[in-house]
C-alpha atoms as a PDB file:
ATOM      1  CA  GLU A   1     -23.925 -46.702  30.841  1.00  0.00           C
ATOM      2  CA  MET A   2     -24.437 -43.263  32.437  1.00  0.00           C
ATOM      3  CA  GLN A   3     -25.257 -44.084  36.382  1.00  0.00           C
ATOM      4  CA  SER A   4     -22.040 -42.463  37.351  1.00  0.00           C
ATOM      5  CA  LEU A   5     -23.636 -39.039  36.691  1.00  0.00           C
ATOM      6  CA  ARG A   6     -25.646 -37.685  39.916  1.00  0.00           C
ATOM      7  CA  PRO A   7     -28.697 -35.649  39.101  1.00  0.00           C
ATOM      8  CA  GLU A   8     -28.092 -33.445  42.172  1.00  0.00           C
ATOM      9  CA  ALA A   9     -24.464 -32.549  41.252  1.00  0.00           C
ATOM     10  CA  ASP A  10     -26.063 -30.966  37.968  1.00  0.00           C
ATOM     11  CA  GLN A  11     -24.172 -33.498  35.808  1.00  0.00           C
ATOM     12  CA  ILE A  12     -26.675 -34.598  33.563  1.00  0.00           C
ATOM     13  CA  PRO A  13     -25.692 -33.516  30.016  1.00  0.00           C
ATOM     14  CA  GLN A  14     -27.788 -31.145  28.046  1.00  0.00           C
ATOM     15  CA  ILE A  15     -27.867 -31.130  24.328  1.00  0.00           C
ATOM     16  CA  GLY A  16     -24.874 -29.586  22.648  1.00  0.00           C
ATOM     17  CA  ASP A  17     -22.751 -30.587  25.671  1.00  0.00           C
ATOM     18  CA  LYS A  18     -19.806 -32.475  24.832  1.00  0.00           C
ATOM     19  CA  VAL A  19     -18.682 -35.653  26.845  1.00  0.00           C
ATOM     20  CA  LEU A  20     -16.073 -38.064  27.019  1.00  0.00           C
ATOM     21  CA  VAL A  21     -17.261 -41.547  25.897  1.00  0.00           C
ATOM     22  CA  PHE A  22     -15.888 -45.108  25.553  1.00  0.00           C
ATOM     23  CA  VAL A  23     -17.009 -47.378  22.576  1.00  0.00           C
ATOM     24  CA  LEU A  24     -18.585 -50.230  23.392  1.00  0.00           C
ATOM     25  CA  GLN A  25     -19.810 -51.460  19.914  1.00  0.00           C
ATOM     26  CA  PRO A  26     -18.586 -49.888  16.978  1.00  0.00           C
ATOM     27  CA  GLU A  27     -21.972 -50.657  14.931  1.00  0.00           C
ATOM     28  CA  THR A  28     -25.193 -52.412  15.976  1.00  0.00           C
ATOM     29  CA  ALA A  29     -27.482 -53.982  13.255  1.00  0.00           C
ATOM     30  CA  GLU A  30     -29.397 -50.885  13.381  1.00  0.00           C
ATOM     31  CA  GLY A  31     -26.129 -48.849  12.355  1.00  0.00           C
ATOM     32  CA  GLN A  32     -25.864 -47.261  15.530  1.00  0.00           C
ATOM     33  CA  ILE A  33     -22.581 -46.926  17.779  1.00  0.00           C
ATOM     34  CA  ILE A  34     -22.931 -47.867  21.707  1.00  0.00           C
ATOM     35  CA  VAL A  35     -20.964 -45.898  23.915  1.00  0.00           C
ATOM     36  CA  SER A  36     -20.426 -45.691  27.446  1.00  0.00           C
ATOM     37  CA  ILE A  37     -20.189 -42.508  29.823  1.00  0.00           C
ATOM     38  CA  ASP A  38     -19.442 -44.708  33.069  1.00  0.00           C
ATOM     39  CA  ARG A  39     -16.509 -46.529  30.998  1.00  0.00           C
ATOM     40  CA  ALA A  40     -14.986 -43.610  29.893  1.00  0.00           C
ATOM     41  CA  ARG A  41     -15.198 -41.808  33.439  1.00  0.00           C
ATOM     42  CA  GLY A  42     -13.701 -44.695  34.756  1.00  0.00           C
ATOM     43  CA  GLU A  43     -10.949 -45.150  32.069  1.00  0.00           C
ATOM     44  CA  LYS A  44     -10.141 -41.396  33.096  1.00  0.00           C
ATOM     45  CA  GLY A  45     -10.075 -42.295  36.719  1.00  0.00           C
ATOM     46  CA  TRP A  46      -8.018 -45.186  36.567  1.00  0.00           C
ATOM     47  CA  ARG A  47      -5.457 -43.069  34.581  1.00  0.00           C
ATOM     48  CA  LEU A  48      -5.759 -40.074  37.030  1.00  0.00           C
ATOM     49  CA  LEU A  49      -5.084 -42.413  40.085  1.00  0.00           C
ATOM     50  CA  GLN A  50      -2.150 -43.891  38.496  1.00  0.00           C
ATOM     51  CA  ARG A  51      -0.656 -40.594  37.678  1.00  0.00           C
ATOM     52  CA  TYR A  52      -1.348 -39.556  41.444  1.00  0.00           C
ATOM     53  CA  TYR A  53       0.471 -42.669  42.368  1.00  0.00           C
ATOM     54  CA  GLU A  54       3.322 -42.547  40.481  1.00  0.00           C
ATOM     55  CA  GLU A  55       3.953 -38.719  41.104  1.00  0.00           C
ATOM     56  CA  ALA A  56       3.049 -39.359  44.780  1.00  0.00           C
ATOM     57  CA  THR A  57       0.520 -36.485  44.489  1.00  0.00           C
ATOM     58  CA  SER A  58      -2.238 -35.811  47.093  1.00  0.00           C
ATOM     59  CA  PHE A  59      -5.390 -34.702  46.109  1.00  0.00           C
ATOM     60  CA  GLU A  60      -8.859 -34.026  47.590  1.00  0.00           C
ATOM     61  CA  GLY A  61     -11.996 -36.613  47.175  1.00  0.00           C
ATOM     62  CA  GLU A  62     -15.371 -36.917  48.326  1.00  0.00           C
ATOM     63  CA  VAL A  63     -16.662 -39.594  50.240  1.00  0.00           C
ATOM     64  CA  THR A  64     -19.645 -41.111  48.746  1.00  0.00           C
ATOM     65  CA  GLY A  65     -20.039 -44.272  51.050  1.00  0.00           C
ATOM     66  CA  TYR A  66     -18.459 -46.317  53.860  1.00  0.00           C
ATOM     67  CA  ASN A  67     -18.518 -49.967  55.059  1.00  0.00           C
ATOM     68  CA  LYS A  68     -17.139 -51.282  58.261  1.00  0.00           C
ATOM     69  CA  GLY A  69     -13.562 -51.226  57.262  1.00  0.00           C
ATOM     70  CA  GLY A  70     -13.513 -47.359  56.344  1.00  0.00           C
ATOM     71  CA  LEU A  71     -14.751 -44.890  53.856  1.00  0.00           C
ATOM     72  CA  LEU A  72     -15.611 -45.074  50.010  1.00  0.00           C
ATOM     73  CA  VAL A  73     -14.250 -42.169  47.652  1.00  0.00           C
ATOM     74  CA  ASP A  74     -15.386 -42.015  44.065  1.00  0.00           C
ATOM     75  CA  VAL A  75     -12.623 -40.538  42.096  1.00  0.00           C
ATOM     76  CA  GLU A  76     -13.825 -39.957  38.322  1.00  0.00           C
ATOM     77  CA  GLY A  77     -15.998 -43.070  38.636  1.00  0.00           C
ATOM     78  CA  VAL A  78     -13.555 -45.372  40.332  1.00  0.00           C
ATOM     79  CA  GLN A  79     -14.520 -46.494  43.784  1.00  0.00           C
ATOM     80  CA  ALA A  80     -11.684 -46.035  46.077  1.00  0.00           C
ATOM     81  CA  PHE A  81     -11.311 -47.190  49.622  1.00  0.00           C
ATOM     82  CA  VAL A  82      -9.543 -45.370  52.645  1.00  0.00           C
ATOM     83  CA  PRO A  83      -9.227 -48.006  55.511  1.00  0.00           C
ATOM     84  CA  LEU A  84      -9.846 -46.405  59.047  1.00  0.00           C
ATOM     85  CA  SER A  85      -6.131 -46.984  59.941  1.00  0.00           C
ATOM     86  CA  GLN A  86      -5.450 -44.484  57.123  1.00  0.00           C
ATOM     87  CA  LEU A  87      -7.545 -41.838  58.611  1.00  0.00           C
ATOM     88  CA  VAL A  88      -6.055 -39.144  60.765  1.00  0.00           C
ATOM     89  CA  GLY A  89      -6.262 -40.191  64.316  1.00  0.00           C
ATOM     90  CA  GLY A  90      -8.609 -37.983  65.700  1.00  0.00           C
ATOM     91  CA  ARG A  91     -11.122 -39.147  63.176  1.00  0.00           C
ATOM     92  CA  VAL A  92     -10.623 -42.632  64.083  1.00  0.00           C
ATOM     93  CA  ASP A  93     -11.362 -42.178  67.516  1.00  0.00           C
ATOM     94  CA  ARG A  94     -14.686 -40.510  66.839  1.00  0.00           C
ATOM     95  CA  VAL A  95     -15.809 -43.255  64.740  1.00  0.00           C
ATOM     96  CA  ASP A  96     -14.586 -45.887  66.705  1.00  0.00           C
ATOM     97  CA  GLU A  97     -16.875 -44.363  69.535  1.00  0.00           C
ATOM     98  CA  ALA A  98     -19.814 -44.030  67.140  1.00  0.00           C
ATOM     99  CA  GLY A  99     -19.692 -47.182  65.323  1.00  0.00           C
ATOM    100  CA  ASP A 100     -21.455 -47.285  61.781  1.00  0.00           C
ATOM    101  CA  ARG A 101     -23.253 -43.987  62.663  1.00  0.00           C
ATOM    102  CA  GLY A 102     -20.081 -42.304  62.913  1.00  0.00           C
ATOM    103  CA  LEU A 103     -18.953 -43.468  59.480  1.00  0.00           C
ATOM    104  CA  ALA A 104     -22.175 -42.091  58.015  1.00  0.00           C
ATOM    105  CA  THR A 105     -21.500 -38.924  59.077  1.00  0.00           C
ATOM    106  CA  TRP A 106     -18.476 -38.483  56.710  1.00  0.00           C
ATOM    107  CA  VAL A 107     -20.553 -39.285  53.459  1.00  0.00           C
ATOM    108  CA  GLY A 108     -20.236 -36.077  51.439  1.00  0.00           C
ATOM    109  CA  LYS A 109     -17.250 -34.655  53.107  1.00  0.00           C
ATOM    110  CA  THR A 110     -14.065 -33.800  51.639  1.00  0.00           C
ATOM    111  CA  LEU A 111     -10.621 -35.226  52.609  1.00  0.00           C
ATOM    112  CA  ARG A 112      -7.116 -34.870  51.228  1.00  0.00           C
ATOM    113  CA  LEU A 113      -5.928 -38.293  50.144  1.00  0.00           C
ATOM    114  CA  LYS A 114      -2.799 -40.078  48.756  1.00  0.00           C
ATOM    115  CA  VAL A 115      -2.809 -43.037  46.733  1.00  0.00           C
ATOM    116  CA  ILE A 116      -0.811 -45.543  48.694  1.00  0.00           C
ATOM    117  CA  GLU A 117      -1.819 -48.819  46.607  1.00  0.00           C
ATOM    118  CA  ILE A 118      -3.121 -49.280  42.863  1.00  0.00           C
ATOM    119  CA  ASN A 119      -4.263 -52.836  41.210  1.00  0.00           C
ATOM    120  CA  ARG A 120      -6.448 -52.211  38.178  1.00  0.00           C
ATOM    121  CA  ARG A 121      -6.542 -56.047  37.572  1.00  0.00           C
ATOM    122  CA  ARG A 122      -7.782 -56.652  40.689  1.00  0.00           C
ATOM    123  CA  ASN A 123      -9.920 -53.464  40.882  1.00  0.00           C
ATOM    124  CA  ARG A 124      -8.240 -52.074  44.035  1.00  0.00           C
ATOM    125  CA  VAL A 125      -7.172 -48.714  45.021  1.00  0.00           C
ATOM    126  CA  ILE A 126      -6.323 -47.941  48.478  1.00  0.00           C
ATOM    127  CA  LEU A 127      -6.179 -44.349  49.640  1.00  0.00           C
ATOM    128  CA  SER A 128      -4.561 -42.859  52.616  1.00  0.00           C
ATOM    129  CA  GLU A 129      -5.660 -39.323  54.575  1.00  0.00           C
ATOM    130  CA  ARG A 130      -2.764 -40.151  57.045  1.00  0.00           C
ATOM    131  CA  ALA A 131       0.015 -39.724  54.505  1.00  0.00           C
ATOM    132  CA  ALA A 132      -1.686 -37.030  52.457  1.00  0.00           C
ATOM    133  CA  VAL A 133      -1.760 -34.900  55.873  1.00  0.00           C
ATOM    134  CA  GLN A 134       1.657 -35.948  56.938  1.00  0.00           C
ATOM    135  CA  GLU A 135       3.065 -34.791  53.449  1.00  0.00           C
ATOM    136  CA  TRP A 136       1.153 -31.411  53.686  1.00  0.00           C
ATOM    137  CA  ARG A 137       2.594 -30.723  57.216  1.00  0.00           C
ATOM    138  CA  ALA A 138       6.044 -31.274  56.039  1.00  0.00           C
ATOM    139  CA  GLN A 139       5.581 -28.906  53.129  1.00  0.00           C
ATOM    140  CA  GLN A 140       3.993 -26.324  55.546  1.00  0.00           C
ATOM    141  CA  LYS A 141       6.760 -26.806  57.840  1.00  0.00           C
ATOM    142  CA  ASP A 142       9.422 -25.923  55.272  1.00  0.00           C
ATOM    143  CA  ARG A 143       7.516 -23.131  54.487  1.00  0.00           C
ATOM    144  CA  LEU A 144       7.344 -21.879  57.930  1.00  0.00           C
ATOM    145  CA  LEU A 145      11.021 -22.373  58.714  1.00  0.00           C
ATOM    146  CA  ALA A 146      11.724 -20.254  55.873  1.00  0.00           C
ATOM    147  CA  GLU A 147       9.218 -17.654  56.817  1.00  0.00           C
ATOM    148  CA  LEU A 148       9.650 -17.375  60.318  1.00  0.00           C
ATOM    149  CA  ARG A 149      12.203 -14.980  62.138  1.00  0.00           C
ATOM    150  CA  GLU A 150      13.568 -15.186  65.599  1.00  0.00           C
ATOM    151  CA  GLY A 151      12.024 -12.508  67.681  1.00  0.00           C
ATOM    152  CA  ASP A 152       8.521 -12.486  65.725  1.00  0.00           C
ATOM    153  CA  ILE A 153       5.353 -13.039  67.786  1.00  0.00           C
ATOM    154  CA  ARG A 154       3.069 -15.441  66.215  1.00  0.00           C
ATOM    155  CA  ARG A 155      -0.446 -16.735  67.075  1.00  0.00           C
ATOM    156  CA  GLY A 156      -0.907 -20.510  67.254  1.00  0.00           C
ATOM    157  CA  ARG A 157      -2.949 -23.544  68.642  1.00  0.00           C
ATOM    158  CA  ILE A 158      -1.830 -25.869  71.442  1.00  0.00           C
ATOM    159  CA  THR A 159      -1.636 -29.339  70.300  1.00  0.00           C
ATOM    160  CA  SER A 160      -0.002 -31.341  73.168  1.00  0.00           C
ATOM    161  CA  ILE A 161       0.806 -30.685  76.989  1.00  0.00           C
ATOM    162  CA  ARG A 162       3.698 -32.666  78.240  1.00  0.00           C
ATOM    163  CA  GLU A 163       5.916 -32.566  81.682  1.00  0.00           C
ATOM    164  CA  PHE A 164       8.506 -30.760  79.841  1.00  0.00           C
ATOM    165  CA  GLY A 165       6.504 -28.208  78.071  1.00  0.00           C
ATOM    166  CA  ILE A 166       3.748 -27.455  75.498  1.00  0.00           C
ATOM    167  CA  PHE A 167       3.766 -27.995  71.624  1.00  0.00           C
ATOM    168  CA  VAL A 168       1.966 -25.254  69.774  1.00  0.00           C
ATOM    169  CA  ASP A 169       1.131 -25.414  65.966  1.00  0.00           C
ATOM    170  CA  LEU A 170       1.798 -22.421  63.992  1.00  0.00           C
ATOM    171  CA  GLY A 171       0.045 -23.194  61.068  1.00  0.00           C
ATOM    172  CA  GLY A 172       1.416 -26.599  59.608  1.00  0.00           C
ATOM    173  CA  ALA A 173       4.655 -26.983  61.921  1.00  0.00           C
ATOM    174  CA  ASP A 174       4.909 -27.710  65.952  1.00  0.00           C
ATOM    175  CA  GLY A 175       7.316 -25.682  67.948  1.00  0.00           C
ATOM    176  CA  LEU A 176       8.134 -26.389  71.452  1.00  0.00           C
ATOM    177  CA  VAL A 177       7.479 -24.049  74.297  1.00  0.00           C
ATOM    178  CA  HIS A 178       9.813 -25.389  77.174  1.00  0.00           C
ATOM    179  CA  LEU A 179       8.546 -25.515  80.719  1.00  0.00           C
ATOM    180  CA  SER A 180      11.135 -22.509  81.518  1.00  0.00           C
ATOM    181  CA  GLU A 181       9.671 -20.592  78.824  1.00  0.00           C
ATOM    182  CA  LEU A 182       6.013 -21.090  79.795  1.00  0.00           C
ATOM    183  CA  SER A 183       5.145 -18.448  82.266  1.00  0.00           C
ATOM    184  CA  TRP A 184       6.780 -15.848  84.535  1.00  0.00           C
ATOM    185  CA  ASP A 185       5.071 -17.549  87.275  1.00  0.00           C
ATOM    186  CA  ARG A 186       6.961 -20.956  87.438  1.00  0.00           C
ATOM    187  CA  SER A 187       5.083 -22.204  90.218  1.00  0.00           C
ATOM    188  CA  LYS A 188       2.104 -23.781  88.310  1.00  0.00           C
ATOM    189  CA  ALA A 189       2.299 -27.174  86.115  1.00  0.00           C
ATOM    190  CA  PRO A 190       1.740 -26.837  82.393  1.00  0.00           C
ATOM    191  CA  GLU A 191      -1.580 -28.804  82.191  1.00  0.00           C
ATOM    192  CA  ASP A 192      -3.055 -26.508  85.205  1.00  0.00           C
ATOM    193  CA  MET A 193      -2.500 -23.312  83.026  1.00  0.00           C
ATOM    194  CA  PHE A 194      -3.606 -24.501  79.484  1.00  0.00           C
ATOM    195  CA  ARG A 195      -5.521 -26.857  77.455  1.00  0.00           C
ATOM    196  CA  VAL A 196      -5.306 -28.517  74.368  1.00  0.00           C
ATOM    197  CA  GLY A 197      -6.857 -26.240  71.582  1.00  0.00           C
ATOM    198  CA  ASP A 198      -6.366 -23.258  73.240  1.00  0.00           C
ATOM    199  CA  GLU A 199      -4.960 -20.227  71.054  1.00  0.00           C
ATOM    200  CA  VAL A 200      -2.145 -18.328  72.194  1.00  0.00           C
ATOM    201  CA  ASP A 201       0.586 -15.878  71.294  1.00  0.00           C
ATOM    202  CA  VAL A 202       4.197 -17.306  71.091  1.00  0.00           C
ATOM    203  CA  TYR A 203       7.683 -15.755  70.879  1.00  0.00           C
ATOM    204  CA  ILE A 204       9.896 -17.183  68.345  1.00  0.00           C
ATOM    205  CA  LEU A 205      13.266 -18.078  70.374  1.00  0.00           C
ATOM    206  CA  LYS A 206      15.057 -20.136  67.957  1.00  0.00           C
ATOM    207  CA  ILE A 207      14.853 -21.642  64.590  1.00  0.00           C
ATOM    208  CA  ASP A 208      16.974 -24.814  63.715  1.00  0.00           C
ATOM    209  CA  GLN A 209      17.086 -25.245  59.832  1.00  0.00           C
ATOM    210  CA  GLU A 210      18.796 -28.390  59.837  1.00  0.00           C
ATOM    211  CA  ALA A 211      17.010 -30.235  62.616  1.00  0.00           C
ATOM    212  CA  LYS A 212      13.864 -28.651  61.434  1.00  0.00           C
ATOM    213  CA  LYS A 213      12.848 -27.458  65.177  1.00  0.00           C
ATOM    214  CA  ILE A 214      11.298 -24.449  66.362  1.00  0.00           C
ATOM    215  CA  ALA A 215      11.716 -23.170  70.097  1.00  0.00           C
ATOM    216  CA  LEU A 216       9.283 -20.997  71.463  1.00  0.00           C
ATOM    217  CA  SER A 217       8.386 -18.974  74.372  1.00  0.00           C
ATOM    218  CA  LEU A 218       5.091 -17.838  75.880  1.00  0.00           C
ATOM    219  CA  ARG A 219       6.202 -15.610  78.554  1.00  0.00           C
ATOM    220  CA  ARG A 220       8.280 -13.447  76.450  1.00  0.00           C
ATOM    221  CA  ALA A 221       5.535 -13.034  74.160  1.00  0.00           C
ATOM    222  CA  GLN A 222       3.689 -11.060  77.425  1.00  0.00           C
ATOM    223  CA  PRO A 223       6.336  -8.724  78.329  1.00  0.00           C
ATOM    224  CA  GLU A 224       3.663  -6.700  80.171  1.00  0.00           C
ATOM    225  CA  GLN A 225       3.437  -9.615  82.687  1.00  0.00           C
ATOM    226  CA  TRP A 226       7.032  -9.053  83.445  1.00  0.00           C
ATOM    227  CA  GLU A 227       6.575  -5.455  84.033  1.00  0.00           C
ATOM    228  CA  GLY A 228       3.996  -6.066  86.504  1.00  0.00           C
ATOM    229  CA  LEU A 229       5.777  -8.723  88.560  1.00  0.00           C
ATOM    230  CA  ILE A 230       9.057  -6.538  89.010  1.00  0.00           C
ATOM    231  CA  ASP A 231       6.978  -3.112  89.686  1.00  0.00           C
ATOM    232  CA  LYS A 232       7.350  -3.537  93.667  1.00  0.00           C
ATOM    233  CA  TYR A 233      10.859  -3.868  93.685  1.00  0.00           C
ATOM    234  CA  ALA A 234      13.524  -1.037  93.280  1.00  0.00           C
ATOM    235  CA  VAL A 235      17.513  -1.183  93.163  1.00  0.00           C
ATOM    236  CA  GLY A 236      19.045  -0.788  96.631  1.00  0.00           C
ATOM    237  CA  GLN A 237      15.761  -2.631  98.245  1.00  0.00           C
ATOM    238  CA  VAL A 238      16.716  -5.430 100.471  1.00  0.00           C
ATOM    239  CA  VAL A 239      14.679  -8.795 100.117  1.00  0.00           C
ATOM    240  CA  THR A 240      14.356 -12.429 101.413  1.00  0.00           C
ATOM    241  CA  GLY A 241      15.316 -14.987  98.752  1.00  0.00           C
ATOM    242  CA  GLN A 242      15.931 -18.956  98.784  1.00  0.00           C
ATOM    243  CA  VAL A 243      18.643 -20.438  97.016  1.00  0.00           C
ATOM    244  CA  THR A 244      17.441 -22.605  94.082  1.00  0.00           C
ATOM    245  CA  LYS A 245      20.069 -23.706  92.175  1.00  0.00           C
ATOM    246  CA  LEU A 246      24.283 -23.403  91.973  1.00  0.00           C
ATOM    247  CA  ALA A 247      26.555 -22.769  89.022  1.00  0.00           C
ATOM    248  CA  PRO A 248      30.137 -21.949  89.032  1.00  0.00           C
ATOM    249  CA  PHE A 249      29.538 -18.298  88.452  1.00  0.00           C
ATOM    250  CA  GLY A 250      27.024 -17.733  91.212  1.00  0.00           C
ATOM    251  CA  ALA A 251      23.684 -18.621  92.980  1.00  0.00           C
ATOM    252  CA  PHE A 252      20.237 -18.377  91.735  1.00  0.00           C
ATOM    253  CA  ALA A 253      17.751 -17.427  94.375  1.00  0.00           C
ATOM    254  CA  ARG A 254      13.797 -17.086  94.440  1.00  0.00           C
ATOM    255  CA  ILE A 255      12.475 -13.952  95.692  1.00  0.00           C
ATOM    256  CA  GLU A 256       8.900 -13.309  96.538  1.00  0.00           C
ATOM    257  CA  GLY A 257       6.320 -15.154  94.000  1.00  0.00           C
ATOM    258  CA  PRO A 258       7.959 -16.589  90.619  1.00  0.00           C
ATOM    259  CA  LEU A 259      10.793 -14.245  90.330  1.00  0.00           C
ATOM    260  CA  GLU A 260      14.600 -15.907  90.350  1.00  0.00           C
ATOM    261  CA  GLY A 261      17.767 -13.459  90.822  1.00  0.00           C
ATOM    262  CA  LEU A 262      21.273 -14.365  89.977  1.00  0.00           C
ATOM    263  CA  ILE A 263      23.805 -13.675  92.952  1.00  0.00           C
ATOM    264  CA  HIS A 264      27.228 -13.419  91.050  1.00  0.00           C
ATOM    265  CA  ILE A 265      30.074 -15.441  92.912  1.00  0.00           C
ATOM    266  CA  SER A 266      31.821 -11.909  93.639  1.00  0.00           C
ATOM    267  CA  GLU A 267      28.490 -10.714  95.429  1.00  0.00           C
ATOM    268  CA  LEU A 268      28.399 -13.947  97.675  1.00  0.00           C
ATOM    269  CA  VAL A 269      30.927 -12.863 100.232  1.00  0.00           C
ATOM    270  CA  ASP A 270      33.779 -10.285 101.030  1.00  0.00           C
ATOM    271  CA  ARG A 271      36.456 -12.882 100.199  1.00  0.00           C
ATOM    272  CA  ARG A 272      37.159 -15.078  97.012  1.00  0.00           C
ATOM    273  CA  VAL A 273      35.762 -18.240  96.616  1.00  0.00           C
ATOM    274  CA  THR A 274      36.176 -20.734  93.972  1.00  0.00           C
ATOM    275  CA  HIS A 275      32.698 -21.855  94.096  1.00  0.00           C
ATOM    276  CA  PRO A 276      29.310 -20.678  95.439  1.00  0.00           C
ATOM    277  CA  ARG A 277      29.075 -24.095  97.068  1.00  0.00           C
ATOM    278  CA  ASP A 278      31.909 -23.020  99.735  1.00  0.00           C
ATOM    279  CA  VAL A 279      29.515 -20.176 101.026  1.00  0.00           C
ATOM    280  CA  VAL A 280      25.880 -21.198 100.170  1.00  0.00           C
ATOM    281  CA  LYS A 281      23.680 -24.455  99.540  1.00  0.00           C
ATOM    282  CA  GLU A 282      20.292 -24.872  97.944  1.00  0.00           C
ATOM    283  CA  GLY A 283      17.790 -24.151 100.107  1.00  0.00           C
ATOM    284  CA  ASP A 284      19.430 -21.437 101.953  1.00  0.00           C
ATOM    285  CA  ILE A 285      17.307 -18.412 103.031  1.00  0.00           C
ATOM    286  CA  LEU A 286      19.092 -15.342 102.663  1.00  0.00           C
ATOM    287  CA  PRO A 287      18.748 -11.540 103.063  1.00  0.00           C
ATOM    288  CA  LEU A 288      19.470 -10.191  99.501  1.00  0.00           C
ATOM    289  CA  LYS A 289      19.900  -6.529  98.069  1.00  0.00           C
END
């Protein structure tokens, strides 16, 4: 009745220690009271798990074993189960690749978990790492949104690379660096410049508290690169540029390298025009001052 105590964890009680016990038999023929440490620990574990479930509280649990379907976690003497589908994505991939050997590597590790199902009559407790991590990230995001200020420069880790930009984890919440804010040199694709897991400095462009979105910039966190690019140009210099975009107020033109400049509609021609397309079109190569 004390099998749940593990010698390697220094859990074996010593003389004088107080321990919680469950009374199995009030009195034997010899006049003894038969008690159980395992049953008491199990009762405490069930009550604790029920409280975690009712309060939707996450907690840390140590992996004590595994089977084909997932991991086993001991919570105060109660054997709970974490299905593979409830592990965080990357862990599932590694387990699938390594098979049972991959599951064995998790024994002894601590996971943040949440109770998603409990049925004492059937002796069934299902835990989820995924739900606990999602909750933790939501809390971290709220904290970050309150803490961050537009104009700050923060260190983050790249979590995803897409055609329209990259996502950077700032410590519990992801922000988006749009394609236009990746680099002063816009000739390269995101996947050619970055890798998932890279650590980068980002500039906080905008914080949308209602939508809970964070807009970031990589290039504005590196103003020295901009200075290096424009060192070769001076006011009054004549350069060659190619028209890249038209807008009601003027035309944008790319000069040597990654730089784009605005030709205001009033600087396109000596006469008054209603729209830049009356004078130029995209792709035109022009001398510009």
